[in-house]
PDB file of N, CA and C in Angstrom:
ATOM      1  N   UNK A   1     105.677  94.921 104.092  1.00  0.00           N
ATOM      2  CA  UNK A   1     105.921  96.330 103.895  1.00  0.00           C
ATOM      3  C   UNK A   1     106.073  96.662 102.419  1.00  0.00           C
ATOM      4  N   UNK A   2     106.692  95.763 101.658  1.00  0.00           N
ATOM      5  CA  UNK A   2     106.901  96.026 100.232  1.00  0.00           C
ATOM      6  C   UNK A   2     105.575  96.112  99.488  1.00  0.00           C
ATOM      7  N   UNK A   3     104.613  95.284  99.864  1.00  0.00           N
ATOM      8  CA  UNK A   3     103.305  95.352  99.210  1.00  0.00           C
ATOM      9  C   UNK A   3     102.595  96.663  99.539  1.00  0.00           C
ATOM     10  N   UNK A   4     102.720  97.108 100.761  1.00  0.00           N
ATOM     11  CA  UNK A   4     102.111  98.384 101.138  1.00  0.00           C
ATOM     12  C   UNK A   4     102.731  99.533 100.351  1.00  0.00           C
ATOM     13  N   UNK A   5     104.042  99.526 100.246  1.00  0.00           N
ATOM     14  CA  UNK A   5     104.734 100.577  99.495  1.00  0.00           C
ATOM     15  C   UNK A   5     104.371 100.515  98.015  1.00  0.00           C
ATOM     16  N   UNK A   6     104.261  99.300  97.469  1.00  0.00           N
ATOM     17  CA  UNK A   6     103.888  99.143  96.066  1.00  0.00           C
ATOM     18  C   UNK A   6     102.486  99.688  95.815  1.00  0.00           C
ATOM     19  N   UNK A   7     101.559  99.360  96.692  1.00  0.00           N
ATOM     20  CA  UNK A   7     100.198  99.874  96.563  1.00  0.00           C
ATOM     21  C   UNK A   7     100.183 101.401  96.663  1.00  0.00           C
ATOM     22  N   UNK A   8     100.971 101.951  97.567  1.00  0.00           N
ATOM     23  CA  UNK A   8     101.040 103.407  97.704  1.00  0.00           C
ATOM     24  C   UNK A   8     101.541 104.043  96.413  1.00  0.00           C
ATOM     25  N   UNK A   9     102.604 103.481  95.858  1.00  0.00           N
ATOM     26  CA  UNK A   9     103.175 104.042  94.631  1.00  0.00           C
ATOM     27  C   UNK A   9     102.190 103.935  93.473  1.00  0.00           C
ATOM     28  N   UNK A  10     101.553 102.787  93.319  1.00  0.00           N
ATOM     29  CA  UNK A  10     100.607 102.611  92.217  1.00  0.00           C
ATOM     30  C   UNK A  10      99.419 103.558  92.316  1.00  0.00           C
ATOM     31  N   UNK A  11      98.854 103.689  93.502  1.00  0.00           N
ATOM     32  CA  UNK A  11      97.702 104.571  93.664  1.00  0.00           C
ATOM     33  C   UNK A  11      98.078 106.037  93.482  1.00  0.00           C
ATOM     34  N   UNK A  12      99.207 106.438  94.039  1.00  0.00           N
ATOM     35  CA  UNK A  12      99.629 107.830  93.891  1.00  0.00           C
ATOM     36  C   UNK A  12     100.047 108.133  92.452  1.00  0.00           C
ATOM     37  N   UNK A  13     100.610 107.153  91.760  1.00  0.00           N
ATOM     38  CA  UNK A  13     100.945 107.318  90.347  1.00  0.00           C
ATOM     39  C   UNK A  13      99.670 107.474  89.514  1.00  0.00           C
ATOM     40  N   UNK A  14      98.650 106.674  89.815  1.00  0.00           N
ATOM     41  CA  UNK A  14      97.363 106.794  89.132  1.00  0.00           C
ATOM     42  C   UNK A  14      96.785 108.202  89.308  1.00  0.00           C
ATOM     43  N   UNK A  15      96.812 108.702  90.534  1.00  0.00           N
ATOM     44  CA  UNK A  15      96.275 110.038  90.801  1.00  0.00           C
ATOM     45  C   UNK A  15      97.084 111.093  90.049  1.00  0.00           C
ATOM     46  N   UNK A  16      98.405 110.959  90.054  1.00  0.00           N
ATOM     47  CA  UNK A  16      99.265 111.931  89.376  1.00  0.00           C
ATOM     48  C   UNK A  16      99.007 111.945  87.873  1.00  0.00           C
ATOM     49  N   UNK A  17      98.943 110.773  87.270  1.00  0.00           N
ATOM     50  CA  UNK A  17      98.706 110.689  85.824  1.00  0.00           C
ATOM     51  C   UNK A  17      97.324 111.233  85.472  1.00  0.00           C
ATOM     52  N   UNK A  18      96.328 110.870  86.272  1.00  0.00           N
ATOM     53  CA  UNK A  18      94.973 111.365  86.018  1.00  0.00           C
ATOM     54  C   UNK A  18      94.913 112.878  86.178  1.00  0.00           C
ATOM     55  N   UNK A  19      95.584 113.399  87.192  1.00  0.00           N
ATOM     56  CA  UNK A  19      95.543 114.841  87.437  1.00  0.00           C
ATOM     57  C   UNK A  19      96.275 115.606  86.334  1.00  0.00           C
ATOM     58  N   UNK A  20      97.429 115.071  85.897  1.00  0.00           N
ATOM     59  CA  UNK A  20      98.176 115.749  84.837  1.00  0.00           C
ATOM     60  C   UNK A  20      97.438 115.700  83.498  1.00  0.00           C
ATOM     61  N   UNK A  21      96.677 114.652  83.271  1.00  0.00           N
ATOM     62  CA  UNK A  21      95.923 114.533  82.031  1.00  0.00           C
ATOM     63  C   UNK A  21      94.453 114.848  82.184  1.00  0.00           C
ATOM     64  N   UNK A  22      94.117 115.621  83.195  1.00  0.00           N
ATOM     65  CA  UNK A  22      92.707 115.860  83.522  1.00  0.00           C
ATOM     66  C   UNK A  22      91.949 116.555  82.396  1.00  0.00           C
ATOM     67  N   UNK A  23      92.605 117.419  81.630  1.00  0.00           N
ATOM     68  CA  UNK A  23      91.896 118.089  80.535  1.00  0.00           C
ATOM     69  C   UNK A  23      91.477 117.088  79.465  1.00  0.00           C
ATOM     70  N   UNK A  24      92.366 116.171  79.125  1.00  0.00           N
ATOM     71  CA  UNK A  24      92.032 115.141  78.143  1.00  0.00           C
ATOM     72  C   UNK A  24      90.973 114.183  78.656  1.00  0.00           C
ATOM     73  N   UNK A  25      91.081 113.817  79.925  1.00  0.00           N
ATOM     74  CA  UNK A  25      90.084 112.921  80.528  1.00  0.00           C
ATOM     75  C   UNK A  25      88.733 113.622  80.581  1.00  0.00           C
ATOM     76  N   UNK A  26      88.729 114.876  80.973  1.00  0.00           N
ATOM     77  CA  UNK A  26      87.484 115.645  81.046  1.00  0.00           C
ATOM     78  C   UNK A  26      86.836 115.730  79.664  1.00  0.00           C
ATOM     79  N   UNK A  27      87.638 116.005  78.637  1.00  0.00           N
ATOM     80  CA  UNK A  27      87.105 116.110  77.292  1.00  0.00           C
ATOM     81  C   UNK A  27      86.554 114.761  76.814  1.00  0.00           C
ATOM     82  N   UNK A  28      87.255 113.680  77.115  1.00  0.00           N
ATOM     83  CA  UNK A  28      86.764 112.345  76.729  1.00  0.00           C
ATOM     84  C   UNK A  28      85.446 112.022  77.428  1.00  0.00           C
ATOM     85  N   UNK A  29      85.328 112.435  78.684  1.00  0.00           N
ATOM     86  CA  UNK A  29      84.079 112.200  79.413  1.00  0.00           C
ATOM     87  C   UNK A  29      82.931 113.020  78.837  1.00  0.00           C
ATOM     88  N   UNK A  30      83.222 114.252  78.426  1.00  0.00           N
ATOM     89  CA  UNK A  30      82.195 115.094  77.810  1.00  0.00           C
ATOM     90  C   UNK A  30      81.769 114.496  76.476  1.00  0.00           C
ATOM     91  N   UNK A  31      82.730 114.000  75.706  1.00  0.00           N
ATOM     92  CA  UNK A  31      82.403 113.356  74.424  1.00  0.00           C
ATOM     93  C   UNK A  31      81.603 112.069  74.629  1.00  0.00           C
ATOM     94  N   UNK A  32      81.790 111.440  75.796  1.00  0.00           N
ATOM     95  CA  UNK A  32      81.042 110.217  76.100  1.00  0.00           C
ATOM     96  C   UNK A  32      79.622 110.501  76.581  1.00  0.00           C
ATOM     97  N   UNK A  33      79.285 111.781  76.773  1.00  0.00           N
ATOM     98  CA  UNK A  33      77.912 112.123  77.120  1.00  0.00           C
ATOM     99  C   UNK A  33      77.713 112.821  78.445  1.00  0.00           C
ATOM    100  N   UNK A  34      78.777 113.047  79.212  1.00  0.00           N
ATOM    101  CA  UNK A  34      78.631 113.762  80.476  1.00  0.00           C
ATOM    102  C   UNK A  34      78.695 115.258  80.231  1.00  0.00           C
ATOM    103  N   UNK A  35      78.069 116.024  81.123  1.00  0.00           N
ATOM    104  CA  UNK A  35      78.237 117.472  81.061  1.00  0.00           C
ATOM    105  C   UNK A  35      79.611 117.827  81.633  1.00  0.00           C
ATOM    106  N   UNK A  36      80.035 119.060  81.429  1.00  0.00           N
ATOM    107  CA  UNK A  36      81.345 119.492  81.932  1.00  0.00           C
ATOM    108  C   UNK A  36      81.400 119.395  83.454  1.00  0.00           C
ATOM    109  N   UNK A  37      80.300 119.769  84.126  1.00  0.00           N
ATOM    110  CA  UNK A  37      80.264 119.680  85.591  1.00  0.00           C
ATOM    111  C   UNK A  37      80.306 118.236  86.069  1.00  0.00           C
ATOM    112  N   UNK A  38      79.590 117.356  85.379  1.00  0.00           N
ATOM    113  CA  UNK A  38      79.605 115.940  85.740  1.00  0.00           C
ATOM    114  C   UNK A  38      80.989 115.332  85.526  1.00  0.00           C
ATOM    115  N   UNK A  39      81.639 115.728  84.450  1.00  0.00           N
ATOM    116  CA  UNK A  39      82.987 115.234  84.179  1.00  0.00           C
ATOM    117  C   UNK A  39      83.958 115.692  85.258  1.00  0.00           C
ATOM    118  N   UNK A  40      83.829 116.947  85.682  1.00  0.00           N
ATOM    119  CA  UNK A  40      84.686 117.471  86.742  1.00  0.00           C
ATOM    120  C   UNK A  40      84.442 116.727  88.049  1.00  0.00           C
ATOM    121  N   UNK A  41      83.185 116.481  88.365  1.00  0.00           N
ATOM    122  CA  UNK A  41      82.849 115.749  89.587  1.00  0.00           C
ATOM    123  C   UNK A  41      83.362 114.310  89.504  1.00  0.00           C
ATOM    124  N   UNK A  42      83.243 113.674  88.358  1.00  0.00           N
ATOM    125  CA  UNK A  42      83.757 112.321  88.153  1.00  0.00           C
ATOM    126  C   UNK A  42      85.257 112.271  88.418  1.00  0.00           C
ATOM    127  N   UNK A  43      85.989 113.249  87.884  1.00  0.00           N
ATOM    128  CA  UNK A  43      87.442 113.302  88.117  1.00  0.00           C
ATOM    129  C   UNK A  43      87.759 113.489  89.590  1.00  0.00           C
ATOM    130  N   UNK A  44      87.029 114.351  90.247  1.00  0.00           N
ATOM    131  CA  UNK A  44      87.274 114.607  91.670  1.00  0.00           C
ATOM    132  C   UNK A  44      87.030 113.353  92.501  1.00  0.00           C
ATOM    133  N   UNK A  45      85.931 112.679  92.257  1.00  0.00           N
ATOM    134  CA  UNK A  45      85.602 111.473  93.015  1.00  0.00           C
ATOM    135  C   UNK A  45      86.614 110.362  92.729  1.00  0.00           C
ATOM    136  N   UNK A  46      86.995 110.208  91.462  1.00  0.00           N
ATOM    137  CA  UNK A  46      87.881 109.109  91.087  1.00  0.00           C
ATOM    138  C   UNK A  46      89.352 109.376  91.356  1.00  0.00           C
ATOM    139  N   UNK A  47      89.681 110.543  91.867  1.00  0.00           N
ATOM    140  CA  UNK A  47      91.059 110.781  92.303  1.00  0.00           C
ATOM    141  C   UNK A  47      91.164 110.951  93.816  1.00  0.00           C
ATOM    142  N   UNK A  48      90.081 111.288  94.479  1.00  0.00           N
ATOM    143  CA  UNK A  48      90.128 111.502  95.926  1.00  0.00           C
ATOM    144  C   UNK A  48      90.357 110.197  96.688  1.00  0.00           C
ATOM    145  N   UNK A  49      89.585 109.170  96.379  1.00  0.00           N
ATOM    146  CA  UNK A  49      89.731 107.891  97.094  1.00  0.00           C
ATOM    147  C   UNK A  49      91.121 107.277  96.896  1.00  0.00           C
ATOM    148  N   UNK A  50      91.639 107.197  95.655  1.00  0.00           N
ATOM    149  CA  UNK A  50      92.995 106.659  95.498  1.00  0.00           C
ATOM    150  C   UNK A  50      94.059 107.519  96.178  1.00  0.00           C
ATOM    151  N   UNK A  51      93.852 108.828  96.228  1.00  0.00           N
ATOM    152  CA  UNK A  51      94.810 109.701  96.908  1.00  0.00           C
ATOM    153  C   UNK A  51      94.840 109.407  98.405  1.00  0.00           C
ATOM    154  N   UNK A  52      93.671 109.330  99.007  1.00  0.00           N
ATOM    155  CA  UNK A  52      93.590 109.051 100.455  1.00  0.00           C
ATOM    156  C   UNK A  52      94.171 107.670 100.760  1.00  0.00           C
ATOM    157  N   UNK A  53      93.799 106.666  99.969  1.00  0.00           N
ATOM    158  CA  UNK A  53      94.316 105.316 100.204  1.00  0.00           C
ATOM    159  C   UNK A  53      95.817 105.238  99.934  1.00  0.00           C
ATOM    160  N   UNK A  54      96.303 105.930  98.919  1.00  0.00           N
ATOM    161  CA  UNK A  54      97.742 105.938  98.634  1.00  0.00           C
ATOM    162  C   UNK A  54      98.536 106.530  99.786  1.00  0.00           C
ATOM    163  N   UNK A  55      98.034 107.609 100.339  1.00  0.00           N
ATOM    164  CA  UNK A  55      98.702 108.221 101.500  1.00  0.00           C
ATOM    165  C   UNK A  55      98.635 107.279 102.699  1.00  0.00           C
ATOM    166  N   UNK A  56      97.483 106.642 102.906  1.00  0.00           N
ATOM    167  CA  UNK A  56      97.342 105.699 104.023  1.00  0.00           C
ATOM    168  C   UNK A  56      98.316 104.528 103.868  1.00  0.00           C
ATOM    169  N   UNK A  57      98.467 104.015 102.655  1.00  0.00           N
ATOM    170  CA  UNK A  57      99.424 102.932 102.420  1.00  0.00           C
ATOM    171  C   UNK A  57     100.855 103.385 102.663  1.00  0.00           C
ATOM    172  N   UNK A  58     101.193 104.589 102.221  1.00  0.00           N
ATOM    173  CA  UNK A  58     102.553 105.094 102.428  1.00  0.00           C
ATOM    174  C   UNK A  58     102.855 105.250 103.914  1.00  0.00           C
ATOM    175  N   UNK A  59     101.915 105.799 104.660  1.00  0.00           N
ATOM    176  CA  UNK A  59     102.099 105.962 106.113  1.00  0.00           C
ATOM    177  C   UNK A  59     102.196 104.598 106.779  1.00  0.00           C
ATOM    178  N   UNK A  60     101.352 103.673 106.358  1.00  0.00           N
ATOM    179  CA  UNK A  60     101.380 102.327 106.932  1.00  0.00           C
ATOM    180  C   UNK A  60     102.707 101.629 106.648  1.00  0.00           C
ATOM    181  N   UNK A  61     103.193 101.736 105.417  1.00  0.00           N
ATOM    182  CA  UNK A  61     104.477 101.116 105.068  1.00  0.00           C
ATOM    183  C   UNK A  61     105.601 101.699 105.913  1.00  0.00           C
ATOM    184  N   UNK A  62     105.585 103.015 106.098  1.00  0.00           N
ATOM    185  CA  UNK A  62     106.603 103.661 106.924  1.00  0.00           C
ATOM    186  C   UNK A  62     106.504 103.174 108.368  1.00  0.00           C
ATOM    187  N   UNK A  63     105.277 103.113 108.888  1.00  0.00           N
ATOM    188  CA  UNK A  63     105.085 102.710 110.289  1.00  0.00           C
ATOM    189  C   UNK A  63     105.478 101.253 110.508  1.00  0.00           C
ATOM    190  N   UNK A  64     105.115 100.383 109.579  1.00  0.00           N
ATOM    191  CA  UNK A  64     105.474  98.967 109.730  1.00  0.00           C
ATOM    192  C   UNK A  64     106.991  98.804 109.663  1.00  0.00           C
ATOM    193  N   UNK A  65     107.645  99.564 108.793  1.00  0.00           N
ATOM    194  CA  UNK A  65     109.110  99.462 108.719  1.00  0.00           C
ATOM    195  C   UNK A  65     109.775  99.930 110.012  1.00  0.00           C
ATOM    196  N   UNK A  66     109.081 100.775 110.764  1.00  0.00           N
ATOM    197  CA  UNK A  66     109.581 101.249 112.062  1.00  0.00           C
ATOM    198  C   UNK A  66     109.037 100.404 113.221  1.00  0.00           C
ATOM    199  N   UNK A  67     108.359  99.308 112.862  1.00  0.00           N
ATOM    200  CA  UNK A  67     107.781  98.371 113.825  1.00  0.00           C
ATOM    201  C   UNK A  67     106.737  99.007 114.739  1.00  0.00           C
ATOM    202  N   UNK A  68     105.945  99.859 114.156  1.00  0.00           N
ATOM    203  CA  UNK A  68     104.830 100.467 114.888  1.00  0.00           C
ATOM    204  C   UNK A  68     103.589  99.609 114.657  1.00  0.00           C
ATOM    205  N   UNK A  69     102.966  99.177 115.719  1.00  0.00           N
ATOM    206  CA  UNK A  69     101.818  98.279 115.613  1.00  0.00           C
ATOM    207  C   UNK A  69     100.622  98.949 114.935  1.00  0.00           C
ATOM    208  N   UNK A  70     100.449 100.245 115.134  1.00  0.00           N
ATOM    209  CA  UNK A  70      99.331 100.930 114.514  1.00  0.00           C
ATOM    210  C   UNK A  70      99.454 100.921 112.992  1.00  0.00           C
ATOM    211  N   UNK A  71     100.672 100.819 112.476  1.00  0.00           N
ATOM    212  CA  UNK A  71     100.873 100.744 111.034  1.00  0.00           C
ATOM    213  C   UNK A  71     100.271  99.492 110.443  1.00  0.00           C
ATOM    214  N   UNK A  72     100.325  98.396 111.224  1.00  0.00           N
ATOM    215  CA  UNK A  72      99.715  97.147 110.790  1.00  0.00           C
ATOM    216  C   UNK A  72      98.212  97.326 110.621  1.00  0.00           C
ATOM    217  N   UNK A  73      97.575  97.930 111.590  1.00  0.00           N
ATOM    218  CA  UNK A  73      96.120  98.086 111.534  1.00  0.00           C
ATOM    219  C   UNK A  73      95.710  99.121 110.494  1.00  0.00           C
ATOM    220  N   UNK A  74      96.509 100.145 110.307  1.00  0.00           N
ATOM    221  CA  UNK A  74      96.238 101.101 109.234  1.00  0.00           C
ATOM    222  C   UNK A  74      96.293 100.409 107.878  1.00  0.00           C
ATOM    223  N   UNK A  75      97.276  99.547 107.715  1.00  0.00           N
ATOM    224  CA  UNK A  75      97.406  98.796 106.470  1.00  0.00           C
ATOM    225  C   UNK A  75      96.260  97.826 106.252  1.00  0.00           C
ATOM    226  N   UNK A  76      95.847  97.136 107.316  1.00  0.00           N
ATOM    227  CA  UNK A  76      94.744  96.182 107.192  1.00  0.00           C
ATOM    228  C   UNK A  76      93.452  96.909 106.811  1.00  0.00           C
ATOM    229  N   UNK A  77      93.155  98.002 107.480  1.00  0.00           N
ATOM    230  CA  UNK A  77      91.937  98.757 107.163  1.00  0.00           C
ATOM    231  C   UNK A  77      91.998  99.285 105.727  1.00  0.00           C
ATOM    232  N   UNK A  78      93.152  99.801 105.318  1.00  0.00           N
ATOM    233  CA  UNK A  78      93.296 100.317 103.954  1.00  0.00           C
ATOM    234  C   UNK A  78      93.110  99.226 102.910  1.00  0.00           C
ATOM    235  N   UNK A  79      93.654  98.039 103.184  1.00  0.00           N
ATOM    236  CA  UNK A  79      93.507  96.963 102.210  1.00  0.00           C
ATOM    237  C   UNK A  79      92.058  96.480 102.111  1.00  0.00           C
ATOM    238  N   UNK A  80      91.364  96.442 103.234  1.00  0.00           N
ATOM    239  CA  UNK A  80      89.960  96.034 103.209  1.00  0.00           C
ATOM    240  C   UNK A  80      89.126  97.065 102.441  1.00  0.00           C
ATOM    241  N   UNK A  81      89.379  98.340 102.698  1.00  0.00           N
ATOM    242  CA  UNK A  81      88.637  99.399 101.993  1.00  0.00           C
ATOM    243  C   UNK A  81      88.907  99.327 100.497  1.00  0.00           C
ATOM    244  N   UNK A  82      90.178  99.196 100.111  1.00  0.00           N
ATOM    245  CA  UNK A  82      90.503  99.121  98.688  1.00  0.00           C
ATOM    246  C   UNK A  82      89.874  97.896  98.036  1.00  0.00           C
ATOM    247  N   UNK A  83      89.937  96.763  98.696  1.00  0.00           N
ATOM    248  CA  UNK A  83      89.341  95.547  98.133  1.00  0.00           C
ATOM    249  C   UNK A  83      87.833  95.712  97.951  1.00  0.00           C
ATOM    250  N   UNK A  84      87.158  96.303  98.914  1.00  0.00           N
ATOM    251  CA  UNK A  84      85.713  96.507  98.793  1.00  0.00           C
ATOM    252  C   UNK A  84      85.378  97.492  97.673  1.00  0.00           C
ATOM    253  N   UNK A  85      86.151  98.556  97.567  1.00  0.00           N
ATOM    254  CA  UNK A  85      85.930  99.528  96.489  1.00  0.00           C
ATOM    255  C   UNK A  85      86.141  98.867  95.129  1.00  0.00           C
ATOM    256  N   UNK A  86      87.222  98.108  94.998  1.00  0.00           N
ATOM    257  CA  UNK A  86      87.501  97.450  93.724  1.00  0.00           C
ATOM    258  C   UNK A  86      86.430  96.418  93.375  1.00  0.00           C
ATOM    259  N   UNK A  87      86.026  95.614  94.348  1.00  0.00           N
ATOM    260  CA  UNK A  87      84.994  94.611  94.085  1.00  0.00           C
ATOM    261  C   UNK A  87      83.661  95.256  93.691  1.00  0.00           C
ATOM    262  N   UNK A  88      83.286  96.311  94.384  1.00  0.00           N
ATOM    263  CA  UNK A  88      82.031  96.986  94.033  1.00  0.00           C
ATOM    264  C   UNK A  88      82.124  97.638  92.656  1.00  0.00           C
ATOM    265  N   UNK A  89      83.273  98.183  92.322  1.00  0.00           N
ATOM    266  CA  UNK A  89      83.465  98.772  90.991  1.00  0.00           C
ATOM    267  C   UNK A  89      83.389  97.708  89.912  1.00  0.00           C
ATOM    268  N   UNK A  90      84.024  96.567  90.163  1.00  0.00           N
ATOM    269  CA  UNK A  90      83.993  95.473  89.187  1.00  0.00           C
ATOM    270  C   UNK A  90      82.573  94.960  88.971  1.00  0.00           C
ATOM    271  N   UNK A  91      81.815  94.858  90.047  1.00  0.00           N
ATOM    272  CA  UNK A  91      80.448  94.348  89.935  1.00  0.00           C
ATOM    273  C   UNK A  91      79.529  95.344  89.236  1.00  0.00           C
ATOM    274  N   UNK A  92      79.649  96.616  89.561  1.00  0.00           N
ATOM    275  CA  UNK A  92      78.761  97.608  88.953  1.00  0.00           C
ATOM    276  C   UNK A  92      79.166  97.935  87.524  1.00  0.00           C
ATOM    277  N   UNK A  93      80.466  97.898  87.225  1.00  0.00           N
ATOM    278  CA  UNK A  93      80.921  98.197  85.871  1.00  0.00           C
ATOM    279  C   UNK A  93      80.723  97.010  84.937  1.00  0.00           C
ATOM    280  N   UNK A  94      80.592  95.835  85.506  1.00  0.00           N
ATOM    281  CA  UNK A  94      80.369  94.648  84.693  1.00  0.00           C
ATOM    282  C   UNK A  94      81.621  94.122  84.021  1.00  0.00           C
ATOM    283  N   UNK A  95      82.775  94.509  84.521  1.00  0.00           N
ATOM    284  CA  UNK A  95      84.014  94.036  83.923  1.00  0.00           C
ATOM    285  C   UNK A  95      85.196  94.262  84.832  1.00  0.00           C
ATOM    286  N   UNK A  96      86.324  93.711  84.419  1.00  0.00           N
ATOM    287  CA  UNK A  96      87.545  93.804  85.211  1.00  0.00           C
ATOM    288  C   UNK A  96      88.661  94.364  84.334  1.00  0.00           C
ATOM    289  N   UNK A  97      89.356  95.355  84.843  1.00  0.00           N
ATOM    290  CA  UNK A  97      90.528  95.857  84.131  1.00  0.00           C
ATOM    291  C   UNK A  97      91.773  95.208  84.725  1.00  0.00           C
ATOM    292  N   UNK A  98      92.848  95.258  83.982  1.00  0.00           N
ATOM    293  CA  UNK A  98      94.107  94.680  84.446  1.00  0.00           C
ATOM    294  C   UNK A  98      94.593  95.412  85.694  1.00  0.00           C
ATOM    295  N   UNK A  99      94.472  96.716  85.707  1.00  0.00           N
ATOM    296  CA  UNK A  99      94.925  97.509  86.854  1.00  0.00           C
ATOM    297  C   UNK A  99      94.102  97.181  88.090  1.00  0.00           C
ATOM    298  N   UNK A 100      92.783  97.097  87.940  1.00  0.00           N
ATOM    299  CA  UNK A 100      91.927  96.773  89.082  1.00  0.00           C
ATOM    300  C   UNK A 100      92.253  95.385  89.622  1.00  0.00           C
ATOM    301  N   UNK A 101      92.475  94.436  88.728  1.00  0.00           N
ATOM    302  CA  UNK A 101      92.818  93.085  89.162  1.00  0.00           C
ATOM    303  C   UNK A 101      94.167  93.065  89.877  1.00  0.00           C
ATOM    304  N   UNK A 102      95.140  93.797  89.359  1.00  0.00           N
ATOM    305  CA  UNK A 102      96.459  93.890  90.007  1.00  0.00           C
ATOM    306  C   UNK A 102      96.328  94.491  91.405  1.00  0.00           C
ATOM    307  N   UNK A 103      95.576  95.582  91.516  1.00  0.00           N
ATOM    308  CA  UNK A 103      95.393  96.215  92.826  1.00  0.00           C
ATOM    309  C   UNK A 103      94.662  95.293  93.793  1.00  0.00           C
ATOM    310  N   UNK A 104      93.688  94.555  93.302  1.00  0.00           N
ATOM    311  CA  UNK A 104      92.956  93.629  94.163  1.00  0.00           C
ATOM    312  C   UNK A 104      93.870  92.519  94.676  1.00  0.00           C
ATOM    313  N   UNK A 105      94.658  91.943  93.796  1.00  0.00           N
ATOM    314  CA  UNK A 105      95.582  90.870  94.207  1.00  0.00           C
ATOM    315  C   UNK A 105      96.622  91.408  95.191  1.00  0.00           C
ATOM    316  N   UNK A 106      97.161  92.583  94.927  1.00  0.00           N
ATOM    317  CA  UNK A 106      98.143  93.168  95.848  1.00  0.00           C
ATOM    318  C   UNK A 106      97.516  93.493  97.203  1.00  0.00           C
ATOM    319  N   UNK A 107      96.288  93.995  97.200  1.00  0.00           N
ATOM    320  CA  UNK A 107      95.658  94.332  98.482  1.00  0.00           C
ATOM    321  C   UNK A 107      95.347  93.079  99.294  1.00  0.00           C
ATOM    322  N   UNK A 108      94.899  92.021  98.641  1.00  0.00           N
ATOM    323  CA  UNK A 108      94.645  90.768  99.362  1.00  0.00           C
ATOM    324  C   UNK A 108      95.958  90.203  99.906  1.00  0.00           C
ATOM    325  N   UNK A 109      97.008  90.254  99.090  1.00  0.00           N
ATOM    326  CA  UNK A 109      98.316  89.785  99.553  1.00  0.00           C
ATOM    327  C   UNK A 109      98.846  90.604 100.719  1.00  0.00           C
ATOM    328  N   UNK A 110      98.660  91.912 100.651  1.00  0.00           N
ATOM    329  CA  UNK A 110      99.110  92.774 101.746  1.00  0.00           C
ATOM    330  C   UNK A 110      98.341  92.475 103.029  1.00  0.00           C
ATOM    331  N   UNK A 111      97.027  92.311 102.909  1.00  0.00           N
ATOM    332  CA  UNK A 111      96.231  92.000 104.099  1.00  0.00           C
ATOM    333  C   UNK A 111      96.645  90.669 104.702  1.00  0.00           C
ATOM    334  N   UNK A 112      96.854  89.669 103.852  1.00  0.00           N
ATOM    335  CA  UNK A 112      97.260  88.348 104.348  1.00  0.00           C
ATOM    336  C   UNK A 112      98.617  88.414 105.036  1.00  0.00           C
ATOM    337  N   UNK A 113      99.539  89.164 104.468  1.00  0.00           N
ATOM    338  CA  UNK A 113     100.863  89.243 105.096  1.00  0.00           C
ATOM    339  C   UNK A 113     100.836  90.060 106.386  1.00  0.00           C
ATOM    340  N   UNK A 114      99.946  91.049 106.458  1.00  0.00           N
ATOM    341  CA  UNK A 114      99.869  91.858 107.677  1.00  0.00           C
ATOM    342  C   UNK A 114      99.272  91.099 108.846  1.00  0.00           C
ATOM    343  N   UNK A 115      98.312  90.225 108.583  1.00  0.00           N
ATOM    344  CA  UNK A 115      97.683  89.493 109.685  1.00  0.00           C
ATOM    345  C   UNK A 115      98.382  88.171 109.986  1.00  0.00           C
ATOM    346  N   UNK A 116      99.432  87.860 109.258  1.00  0.00           N
ATOM    347  CA  UNK A 116     100.170  86.616 109.490  1.00  0.00           C
ATOM    348  C   UNK A 116     100.859  86.660 110.857  1.00  0.00           C
ATOM    349  N   UNK A 117     100.980  85.511 111.482  1.00  0.00           N
ATOM    350  CA  UNK A 117     101.619  85.416 112.793  1.00  0.00           C
ATOM    351  C   UNK A 117     103.074  85.916 112.740  1.00  0.00           C
ATOM    352  N   UNK A 118     103.780  85.611 111.667  1.00  0.00           N
ATOM    353  CA  UNK A 118     105.188  86.024 111.569  1.00  0.00           C
ATOM    354  C   UNK A 118     105.318  87.546 111.582  1.00  0.00           C
ATOM    355  N   UNK A 119     104.384  88.231 110.945  1.00  0.00           N
ATOM    356  CA  UNK A 119     104.416  89.701 110.958  1.00  0.00           C
ATOM    357  C   UNK A 119     104.130  90.229 112.351  1.00  0.00           C
ATOM    358  N   UNK A 120     103.134  89.661 113.001  1.00  0.00           N
ATOM    359  CA  UNK A 120     102.819  90.103 114.370  1.00  0.00           C
ATOM    360  C   UNK A 120     103.981  89.845 115.321  1.00  0.00           C
ATOM    361  N   UNK A 121     104.634  88.683 115.172  1.00  0.00           N
ATOM    362  CA  UNK A 121     105.790  88.369 116.016  1.00  0.00           C
ATOM    363  C   UNK A 121     106.940  89.330 115.734  1.00  0.00           C
ATOM    364  N   UNK A 122     107.147  89.630 114.447  1.00  0.00           N
ATOM    365  CA  UNK A 122     108.223  90.545 114.070  1.00  0.00           C
ATOM    366  C   UNK A 122     107.969  91.939 114.629  1.00  0.00           C
ATOM    367  N   UNK A 123     106.719  92.387 114.581  1.00  0.00           N
ATOM    368  CA  UNK A 123     106.387  93.700 115.130  1.00  0.00           C
ATOM    369  C   UNK A 123     106.538  93.738 116.643  1.00  0.00           C
ATOM    370  N   UNK A 124     106.331  92.585 117.300  1.00  0.00           N
ATOM    371  CA  UNK A 124     106.407  92.541 118.763  1.00  0.00           C
ATOM    372  C   UNK A 124     107.846  92.670 119.251  1.00  0.00           C
ATOM    373  N   UNK A 125     108.814  92.265 118.445  1.00  0.00           N
ATOM    374  CA  UNK A 125     110.210  92.368 118.857  1.00  0.00           C
ATOM    375  C   UNK A 125     110.692  93.790 118.646  1.00  0.00           C
ATOM    376  N   UNK A 126     111.492  94.253 119.527  1.00  0.00           N
ATOM    377  CA  UNK A 126     112.023  95.613 119.423  1.00  0.00           C
ATOM    378  C   UNK A 126     113.390  95.577 118.779  1.00  0.00           C
ATOM    379  N   UNK A 127     113.715  96.638 118.083  1.00  0.00           N
ATOM    380  CA  UNK A 127     115.041  96.748 117.493  1.00  0.00           C
ATOM    381  C   UNK A 127     116.088  96.919 118.582  1.00  0.00           C
ATOM    382  N   UNK A 128     117.213  96.316 118.351  1.00  0.00           N
ATOM    383  CA  UNK A 128     118.287  96.402 119.347  1.00  0.00           C
ATOM    384  C   UNK A 128     119.069  97.678 119.211  1.00  0.00           C
TER     385      UNK A 128
END
């Protein structure tokens, strides 16, 4: 659950920082050669996926803490999606950032802990 919550916080923090600094990011993208419309679309695309995944991680962390089995599967699907997005970004960009590597390691760790037998057994027991 802690890894899910950590991933939720990191992704939502990324979206918040990007959104608050969107004018500076937009201007940097325009200076890098994009048109204003392309820069706006780039910002929208690069904040939508982390926002959706951050919310999914937060809901999953809440559900797992309440021992809801669907929270486990929500978390597993979210971690697989994030890992695939990060891997494809790393391959197409031709490099790895520290943040992307951190998110990849956390998502793999979260997926491994969610599918572990101990987690499934813990979810199967009901609170007294």
